[in-house]
C-alpha atoms as a PDB file:
ATOM      1  CA  UNK A   1     -13.374  53.208  24.060  1.00  0.00           C
ATOM      2  CA  UNK A   2     -10.781  52.547  21.558  1.00  0.00           C
ATOM      3  CA  UNK A   3     -10.886  49.343  19.543  1.00  0.00           C
ATOM      4  CA  UNK A   4      -7.958  47.127  19.857  1.00  0.00           C
ATOM      5  CA  UNK A   5      -7.109  45.677  16.330  1.00  0.00           C
ATOM      6  CA  UNK A   6      -4.304  43.291  16.835  1.00  0.00           C
ATOM      7  CA  UNK A   7      -3.362  39.872  15.479  1.00  0.00           C
ATOM      8  CA  UNK A   8      -3.192  37.065  17.994  1.00  0.00           C
ATOM      9  CA  UNK A   9       0.142  35.738  16.627  1.00  0.00           C
ATOM     10  CA  UNK A  10       0.637  33.160  19.550  1.00  0.00           C
ATOM     11  CA  UNK A  11      -2.816  31.779  18.977  1.00  0.00           C
ATOM     12  CA  UNK A  12      -2.233  31.523  15.190  1.00  0.00           C
ATOM     13  CA  UNK A  13       1.112  29.747  15.898  1.00  0.00           C
ATOM     14  CA  UNK A  14      -0.542  27.288  18.286  1.00  0.00           C
ATOM     15  CA  UNK A  15      -3.177  26.465  15.748  1.00  0.00           C
ATOM     16  CA  UNK A  16      -0.508  25.981  12.974  1.00  0.00           C
ATOM     17  CA  UNK A  17       1.629  23.738  15.213  1.00  0.00           C
ATOM     18  CA  UNK A  18      -1.332  21.763  16.166  1.00  0.00           C
ATOM     19  CA  UNK A  19      -2.300  21.237  12.581  1.00  0.00           C
ATOM     20  CA  UNK A  20       1.210  20.412  11.564  1.00  0.00           C
ATOM     21  CA  UNK A  21       1.449  17.855  14.553  1.00  0.00           C
ATOM     22  CA  UNK A  22      -1.906  16.146  13.264  1.00  0.00           C
ATOM     23  CA  UNK A  23      -0.661  15.982   9.654  1.00  0.00           C
ATOM     24  CA  UNK A  24       2.704  14.574  10.791  1.00  0.00           C
ATOM     25  CA  UNK A  25       0.884  11.845  12.963  1.00  0.00           C
ATOM     26  CA  UNK A  26      -1.562  11.013  10.059  1.00  0.00           C
ATOM     27  CA  UNK A  27       1.356  10.735   7.706  1.00  0.00           C
ATOM     28  CA  UNK A  28       3.293   8.518   9.963  1.00  0.00           C
ATOM     29  CA  UNK A  29       0.352   6.386  10.470  1.00  0.00           C
ATOM     30  CA  UNK A  30      -0.289   5.995   6.758  1.00  0.00           C
ATOM     31  CA  UNK A  31       3.483   5.339   6.059  1.00  0.00           C
ATOM     32  CA  UNK A  32       3.368   2.652   8.909  1.00  0.00           C
ATOM     33  CA  UNK A  33       0.307   0.991   7.462  1.00  0.00           C
ATOM     34  CA  UNK A  34       1.990   0.805   4.020  1.00  0.00           C
ATOM     35  CA  UNK A  35       5.154  -0.534   5.574  1.00  0.00           C
ATOM     36  CA  UNK A  36       3.050  -3.180   7.396  1.00  0.00           C
ATOM     37  CA  UNK A  37       1.190  -4.226   4.356  1.00  0.00           C
ATOM     38  CA  UNK A  38       4.432  -4.536   2.374  1.00  0.00           C
ATOM     39  CA  UNK A  39       5.949  -6.643   5.043  1.00  0.00           C
ATOM     40  CA  UNK A  40       2.899  -8.801   5.100  1.00  0.00           C
ATOM     41  CA  UNK A  41       2.974  -9.191   1.241  1.00  0.00           C
ATOM     42  CA  UNK A  42       6.678 -10.029   1.251  1.00  0.00           C
ATOM     43  CA  UNK A  43       6.084 -12.737   3.970  1.00  0.00           C
ATOM     44  CA  UNK A  44       3.431 -14.165   1.861  1.00  0.00           C
ATOM     45  CA  UNK A  45       5.666 -14.245  -1.123  1.00  0.00           C
ATOM     46  CA  UNK A  46       8.553 -15.820   0.941  1.00  0.00           C
ATOM     47  CA  UNK A  47       6.179 -18.566   2.127  1.00  0.00           C
ATOM     48  CA  UNK A  48       4.979 -19.236  -1.554  1.00  0.00           C
ATOM     49  CA  UNK A  49       8.550 -19.405  -2.722  1.00  0.00           C
ATOM     50  CA  UNK A  50       9.528 -21.695   0.191  1.00  0.00           C
ATOM     51  CA  UNK A  51       6.614 -24.023  -0.611  1.00  0.00           C
ATOM     52  CA  UNK A  52       7.594 -23.999  -4.301  1.00  0.00           C
ATOM     53  CA  UNK A  53      11.283 -24.991  -3.376  1.00  0.00           C
ATOM     54  CA  UNK A  54      10.071 -27.596  -0.936  1.00  0.00           C
ATOM     55  CA  UNK A  55       7.713 -29.035  -3.526  1.00  0.00           C
ATOM     56  CA  UNK A  56      10.569 -29.271  -6.161  1.00  0.00           C
ATOM     57  CA  UNK A  57      12.832 -30.771  -3.431  1.00  0.00           C
ATOM     58  CA  UNK A  58      10.156 -33.400  -2.690  1.00  0.00           C
ATOM     59  CA  UNK A  59       9.596 -34.184  -6.266  1.00  0.00           C
ATOM     60  CA  UNK A  60      13.338 -34.600  -6.851  1.00  0.00           C
ATOM     61  CA  UNK A  61      13.591 -36.878  -3.806  1.00  0.00           C
ATOM     62  CA  UNK A  62      10.765 -39.164  -5.185  1.00  0.00           C
ATOM     63  CA  UNK A  63      12.190 -39.100  -8.704  1.00  0.00           C
ATOM     64  CA  UNK A  64      15.574 -40.017  -7.200  1.00  0.00           C
ATOM     65  CA  UNK A  65      14.044 -42.954  -5.070  1.00  0.00           C
ATOM     66  CA  UNK A  66      12.199 -44.173  -7.968  1.00  0.00           C
ATOM     67  CA  UNK A  67      15.366 -44.297 -10.125  1.00  0.00           C
ATOM     68  CA  UNK A  68      17.296 -46.048  -7.339  1.00  0.00           C
ATOM     69  CA  UNK A  69      14.506 -48.675  -7.094  1.00  0.00           C
ATOM     70  CA  UNK A  70      14.603 -49.181 -10.943  1.00  0.00           C
ATOM     71  CA  UNK A  71      18.389 -49.437 -10.926  1.00  0.00           C
ATOM     72  CA  UNK A  72      18.294 -52.041  -8.019  1.00  0.00           C
ATOM     73  CA  UNK A  73      15.534 -54.095  -9.767  1.00  0.00           C
ATOM     74  CA  UNK A  74      17.540 -53.953 -13.066  1.00  0.00           C
ATOM     75  CA  UNK A  75      20.732 -54.962 -11.247  1.00  0.00           C
ATOM     76  CA  UNK A  76      19.069 -57.761  -9.485  1.00  0.00           C
ATOM     77  CA  UNK A  77      17.447 -58.953 -12.734  1.00  0.00           C
ATOM     78  CA  UNK A  78      20.719 -58.855 -14.664  1.00  0.00           C
ATOM     79  CA  UNK A  79      22.614 -60.813 -11.949  1.00  0.00           C
ATOM     80  CA  UNK A  80      19.844 -63.414 -11.908  1.00  0.00           C
ATOM     81  CA  UNK A  81      19.837 -63.818 -15.631  1.00  0.00           C
ATOM     82  CA  UNK A  82      23.559 -64.160 -15.755  1.00  0.00           C
ATOM     83  CA  UNK A  83      23.438 -67.064 -13.177  1.00  0.00           C
ATOM     84  CA  UNK A  84      20.344 -68.610 -14.744  1.00  0.00           C
ATOM     85  CA  UNK A  85      22.268 -68.992 -17.911  1.00  0.00           C
ATOM     86  CA  UNK A  86      24.962 -70.732 -15.929  1.00  0.00           C
ATOM     87  CA  UNK A  87      22.458 -73.329 -14.537  1.00  0.00           C
ATOM     88  CA  UNK A  88      21.759 -71.531 -11.101  1.00  0.00           C
ATOM     89  CA  UNK A  89      17.921 -71.457 -10.536  1.00  0.00           C
ATOM     90  CA  UNK A  90      16.797 -68.138  -9.090  1.00  0.00           C
ATOM     91  CA  UNK A  91      14.159 -67.795  -6.431  1.00  0.00           C
ATOM     92  CA  UNK A  92      11.659 -66.249  -8.860  1.00  0.00           C
ATOM     93  CA  UNK A  93      12.233 -69.387 -11.191  1.00  0.00           C
ATOM     94  CA  UNK A  94      11.737 -71.704  -8.318  1.00  0.00           C
ATOM     95  CA  UNK A  95       8.508 -69.987  -7.412  1.00  0.00           C
ATOM     96  CA  UNK A  96       7.219 -70.023 -10.960  1.00  0.00           C
ATOM     97  CA  UNK A  97       8.056 -73.751 -11.192  1.00  0.00           C
ATOM     98  CA  UNK A  98       6.276 -74.515  -8.064  1.00  0.00           C
ATOM     99  CA  UNK A  99       3.250 -72.605  -9.355  1.00  0.00           C
ATOM    100  CA  UNK A 100       3.350 -74.629 -12.552  1.00  0.00           C
ATOM    101  CA  UNK A 101       3.466 -77.913 -10.596  1.00  0.00           C
ATOM    102  CA  UNK A 102       0.564 -76.877  -8.483  1.00  0.00           C
ATOM    103  CA  UNK A 103      -1.276 -75.813 -11.585  1.00  0.00           C
ATOM    104  CA  UNK A 104      -0.657 -79.183 -13.365  1.00  0.00           C
ATOM    105  CA  UNK A 105      -1.870 -81.232 -10.409  1.00  0.00           C
ATOM    106  CA  UNK A 106      -5.209 -79.358 -10.378  1.00  0.00           C
ATOM    107  CA  UNK A 107      -5.639 -80.261 -14.127  1.00  0.00           C
END
């Protein structure tokens, strides 16, 4: 009987196609994993940036509130000093005078 020496082109093509398909799937999977990791890192960076901005905003609000309170105290003290000089006794002076009276009674 004669030997048949032929090349199985269809079988070779199927193996090559299958190998290409597997490589393509592996490449897509690795690319998707990289994309997912990049997105996760970006989200973390955005969270950190948002926290930093919020912290800065909160600090500015606290500073503003403290400055407003200081200005109010200064304004009240200025008005009271102005009227103290004109002979009008302020609540703080009345309380201090009352405290002195009680202290003198106890002596």
